[in-house]
Amino acid sequence: MDERQPDRTEIRVPYRDIDMHGRMHTAAYIEHAEEALARFWRFRPEVRNEPAYVVRKVGCTFYRGLRNGEVALLTVRAAKIGGKSVGFNVAVQTGNEIAAEVELLWTAVHAESGEPAPLPEATRDWLYSYLS
């Protein structure tokens, strides 16, 4: 995918992700969404003393099962930006259809103590450009 679009990741559904009914496993949607989010996150601004981020919540809404070999576009959007957390929505689309939407909630924490930490201002500003 284009480096100018860090919010977009394209995948071809691998055979290993297919269940006995010929559709992608439930957990594979979340795994691919997390990979798309990890790619997106690499483009954030550098921040001194950046907090660690931990997943607090994951959810998925299914609309249509993807099949082996189908191409899907995953688009990452910031759904909610809080003082210490950020919610993401990853749309999984094939052709003109939304196959699934994955929601992830991250909380910023101090790396040493694990206590909640504020989102850095530069990170918040960057995320606002991807707010849905």
C-alpha atoms as a PDB file:
ATOM      1  CA  MET A   1       0.000   0.000   0.000  1.00  0.00           C
ATOM      2  CA  ASP A   2       0.937   3.610  -0.474  1.00  0.00           C
ATOM      3  CA  GLU A   3       3.107   5.146   2.271  1.00  0.00           C
ATOM      4  CA  ARG A   4       0.997   8.318   1.936  1.00  0.00           C
ATOM      5  CA  GLN A   5      -2.027   6.382   3.202  1.00  0.00           C
ATOM      6  CA  PRO A   6      -0.954   4.829   6.488  1.00  0.00           C
ATOM      7  CA  ASP A   7      -4.598   4.292   7.400  1.00  0.00           C
ATOM      8  CA  ARG A   8      -5.134   1.765   4.582  1.00  0.00           C
ATOM      9  CA  THR A   9      -3.889  -1.826   4.418  1.00  0.00           C
ATOM     10  CA  GLU A  10      -4.789  -4.345   1.759  1.00  0.00           C
ATOM     11  CA  ILE A  11      -4.799  -8.097   2.406  1.00  0.00           C
ATOM     12  CA  ARG A  12      -5.578 -11.207   0.427  1.00  0.00           C
ATOM     13  CA  VAL A  13      -7.385 -13.653   2.714  1.00  0.00           C
ATOM     14  CA  PRO A  14      -4.990 -16.575   3.273  1.00  0.00           C
ATOM     15  CA  TYR A  15      -6.156 -20.177   3.340  1.00  0.00           C
ATOM     16  CA  ARG A  16      -4.925 -20.574   6.938  1.00  0.00           C
ATOM     17  CA  ASP A  17      -7.651 -18.102   8.041  1.00  0.00           C
ATOM     18  CA  ILE A  18     -10.520 -20.113   6.540  1.00  0.00           C
ATOM     19  CA  ASP A  19     -12.927 -22.169   8.672  1.00  0.00           C
ATOM     20  CA  MET A  20     -14.747 -25.388   7.739  1.00  0.00           C
ATOM     21  CA  HIS A  21     -17.550 -23.353   6.145  1.00  0.00           C
ATOM     22  CA  GLY A  22     -15.194 -21.585   3.742  1.00  0.00           C
ATOM     23  CA  ARG A  23     -15.261 -18.220   5.520  1.00  0.00           C
ATOM     24  CA  MET A  24     -12.596 -16.359   7.422  1.00  0.00           C
ATOM     25  CA  HIS A  25     -12.325 -17.298  11.118  1.00  0.00           C
ATOM     26  CA  THR A  26     -13.772 -14.783  13.553  1.00  0.00           C
ATOM     27  CA  ALA A  27     -10.437 -14.224  15.298  1.00  0.00           C
ATOM     28  CA  ALA A  28      -8.697 -13.559  11.961  1.00  0.00           C
ATOM     29  CA  TYR A  29     -10.697 -10.344  11.481  1.00  0.00           C
ATOM     30  CA  ILE A  30      -9.337  -9.047  14.768  1.00  0.00           C
ATOM     31  CA  GLU A  31      -5.801 -10.223  13.970  1.00  0.00           C
ATOM     32  CA  HIS A  32      -5.798  -8.474  10.577  1.00  0.00           C
ATOM     33  CA  ALA A  33      -7.304  -5.329  12.127  1.00  0.00           C
ATOM     34  CA  GLU A  34      -4.548  -5.278  14.754  1.00  0.00           C
ATOM     35  CA  GLU A  35      -1.934  -5.662  12.001  1.00  0.00           C
ATOM     36  CA  ALA A  36      -3.500  -2.757  10.080  1.00  0.00           C
ATOM     37  CA  LEU A  37      -3.529  -0.678  13.273  1.00  0.00           C
ATOM     38  CA  ALA A  38       0.131  -1.546  13.971  1.00  0.00           C
ATOM     39  CA  ARG A  39       1.053  -0.383  10.461  1.00  0.00           C
ATOM     40  CA  PHE A  40      -0.941   2.827  10.959  1.00  0.00           C
ATOM     41  CA  TRP A  41       0.675   3.435  14.365  1.00  0.00           C
ATOM     42  CA  ARG A  42       4.194   3.389  12.876  1.00  0.00           C
ATOM     43  CA  PHE A  43       3.392   6.726  11.199  1.00  0.00           C
ATOM     44  CA  ARG A  44       2.589   8.610  14.427  1.00  0.00           C
ATOM     45  CA  PRO A  45       4.845  11.528  15.411  1.00  0.00           C
ATOM     46  CA  GLU A  46       7.834  10.830  17.613  1.00  0.00           C
ATOM     47  CA  VAL A  47       7.196  11.750  21.234  1.00  0.00           C
ATOM     48  CA  ARG A  48       9.655  11.955  24.108  1.00  0.00           C
ATOM     49  CA  ASN A  49       8.764   9.683  27.015  1.00  0.00           C
ATOM     50  CA  GLU A  50       5.936   8.136  25.043  1.00  0.00           C
ATOM     51  CA  PRO A  51       3.563   6.031  27.154  1.00  0.00           C
ATOM     52  CA  ALA A  52       2.919   2.384  26.427  1.00  0.00           C
ATOM     53  CA  TYR A  53      -0.482   1.461  25.017  1.00  0.00           C
ATOM     54  CA  VAL A  54      -2.550  -1.490  26.157  1.00  0.00           C
ATOM     55  CA  VAL A  55      -5.685  -2.944  24.628  1.00  0.00           C
ATOM     56  CA  ARG A  56      -8.676  -2.571  26.951  1.00  0.00           C
ATOM     57  CA  LYS A  57     -11.498  -3.625  24.675  1.00  0.00           C
ATOM     58  CA  VAL A  58     -12.027  -5.370  21.329  1.00  0.00           C
ATOM     59  CA  GLY A  59     -15.262  -5.903  19.442  1.00  0.00           C
ATOM     60  CA  CYS A  60     -16.287  -6.955  15.962  1.00  0.00           C
ATOM     61  CA  THR A  61     -19.469  -6.594  13.955  1.00  0.00           C
ATOM     62  CA  PHE A  62     -19.774  -9.000  11.021  1.00  0.00           C
ATOM     63  CA  TYR A  63     -21.697  -8.276   7.849  1.00  0.00           C
ATOM     64  CA  ARG A  64     -20.336 -10.800   5.362  1.00  0.00           C
ATOM     65  CA  GLY A  65     -17.825 -13.617   5.647  1.00  0.00           C
ATOM     66  CA  LEU A  66     -14.669 -13.196   3.602  1.00  0.00           C
ATOM     67  CA  ARG A  67     -13.506 -16.170   1.554  1.00  0.00           C
ATOM     68  CA  ASN A  68     -10.127 -17.620   0.660  1.00  0.00           C
ATOM     69  CA  GLY A  69      -8.230 -15.399  -1.785  1.00  0.00           C
ATOM     70  CA  GLU A  70     -10.571 -12.420  -1.543  1.00  0.00           C
ATOM     71  CA  VAL A  71      -8.903  -9.033  -1.398  1.00  0.00           C
ATOM     72  CA  ALA A  72      -9.951  -6.810   1.477  1.00  0.00           C
ATOM     73  CA  LEU A  73      -9.089  -3.212   2.287  1.00  0.00           C
ATOM     74  CA  LEU A  74      -8.741  -2.369   5.983  1.00  0.00           C
ATOM     75  CA  THR A  75      -9.178   1.301   6.834  1.00  0.00           C
ATOM     76  CA  VAL A  76      -8.195   2.585  10.278  1.00  0.00           C
ATOM     77  CA  ARG A  77      -9.997   5.552  11.819  1.00  0.00           C
ATOM     78  CA  ALA A  78      -9.800   7.135  15.253  1.00  0.00           C
ATOM     79  CA  ALA A  79     -13.326   6.757  16.595  1.00  0.00           C
ATOM     80  CA  LYS A  80     -12.865   8.473  19.962  1.00  0.00           C
ATOM     81  CA  ILE A  81      -9.937  10.401  21.397  1.00  0.00           C
ATOM     82  CA  GLY A  82      -9.948  10.779  25.150  1.00  0.00           C
ATOM     83  CA  GLY A  83      -7.503  12.199  27.659  1.00  0.00           C
ATOM     84  CA  LYS A  84      -5.882   8.816  28.352  1.00  0.00           C
ATOM     85  CA  SER A  85      -7.362   6.521  25.726  1.00  0.00           C
ATOM     86  CA  VAL A  86      -8.126   6.244  22.055  1.00  0.00           C
ATOM     87  CA  GLY A  87     -10.737   4.153  20.306  1.00  0.00           C
ATOM     88  CA  PHE A  88     -10.149   2.886  16.790  1.00  0.00           C
ATOM     89  CA  ASN A  89     -12.522   1.570  14.160  1.00  0.00           C
ATOM     90  CA  VAL A  90     -11.101  -0.659  11.441  1.00  0.00           C
ATOM     91  CA  ALA A  91     -13.449  -1.155   8.491  1.00  0.00           C
ATOM     92  CA  VAL A  92     -12.875  -4.362   6.526  1.00  0.00           C
ATOM     93  CA  GLN A  93     -14.156  -3.829   3.008  1.00  0.00           C
ATOM     94  CA  THR A  94     -14.196  -5.978  -0.114  1.00  0.00           C
ATOM     95  CA  GLY A  95     -15.305  -4.329  -3.309  1.00  0.00           C
ATOM     96  CA  ASN A  96     -18.141  -1.997  -2.342  1.00  0.00           C
ATOM     97  CA  GLU A  97     -19.215  -4.085   0.662  1.00  0.00           C
ATOM     98  CA  ILE A  98     -18.269  -3.720   4.308  1.00  0.00           C
ATOM     99  CA  ALA A  99     -17.497  -7.245   5.510  1.00  0.00           C
ATOM    100  CA  ALA A 100     -16.812  -6.310   9.142  1.00  0.00           C
ATOM    101  CA  GLU A 101     -15.991  -3.479  11.526  1.00  0.00           C
ATOM    102  CA  VAL A 102     -13.490  -4.038  14.308  1.00  0.00           C
ATOM    103  CA  GLU A 103     -13.415  -1.725  17.320  1.00  0.00           C
ATOM    104  CA  LEU A 104     -10.342  -1.471  19.548  1.00  0.00           C
ATOM    105  CA  LEU A 105      -9.851   0.661  22.633  1.00  0.00           C
ATOM    106  CA  TRP A 106      -6.312   1.476  23.765  1.00  0.00           C
ATOM    107  CA  THR A 107      -5.320   3.096  27.047  1.00  0.00           C
ATOM    108  CA  ALA A 108      -2.047   4.982  27.470  1.00  0.00           C
ATOM    109  CA  VAL A 109      -0.083   3.833  30.518  1.00  0.00           C
ATOM    110  CA  HIS A 110       3.201   4.707  32.193  1.00  0.00           C
ATOM    111  CA  ALA A 111       5.660   2.060  31.029  1.00  0.00           C
ATOM    112  CA  GLU A 112       7.087   1.471  34.513  1.00  0.00           C
ATOM    113  CA  SER A 113       3.985   1.481  36.684  1.00  0.00           C
ATOM    114  CA  GLY A 114       1.230   0.527  34.254  1.00  0.00           C
ATOM    115  CA  GLU A 115      -0.877   3.383  35.631  1.00  0.00           C
ATOM    116  CA  PRO A 116      -2.954   5.397  33.130  1.00  0.00           C
ATOM    117  CA  ALA A 117      -1.049   8.219  31.438  1.00  0.00           C
ATOM    118  CA  PRO A 118      -2.203  11.178  29.346  1.00  0.00           C
ATOM    119  CA  LEU A 119      -2.104  10.874  25.576  1.00  0.00           C
ATOM    120  CA  PRO A 120       0.754  13.054  24.288  1.00  0.00           C
ATOM    121  CA  GLU A 121      -0.484  16.251  22.631  1.00  0.00           C
ATOM    122  CA  ALA A 122       1.371  15.526  19.367  1.00  0.00           C
ATOM    123  CA  THR A 123      -0.216  12.079  19.206  1.00  0.00           C
ATOM    124  CA  ARG A 124      -3.676  13.515  19.900  1.00  0.00           C
ATOM    125  CA  ASP A 125      -3.229  16.158  17.182  1.00  0.00           C
ATOM    126  CA  TRP A 126      -2.124  13.498  14.683  1.00  0.00           C
ATOM    127  CA  LEU A 127      -5.048  11.246  15.577  1.00  0.00           C
ATOM    128  CA  TYR A 128      -7.542  14.075  14.997  1.00  0.00           C
ATOM    129  CA  SER A 129      -6.646  13.987  11.278  1.00  0.00           C
ATOM    130  CA  TYR A 130      -7.984  10.398  11.229  1.00  0.00           C
ATOM    131  CA  LEU A 131     -11.104  10.997  13.316  1.00  0.00           C
ATOM    132  CA  SER A 132     -14.207   9.433  11.791  1.00  0.00           C
END
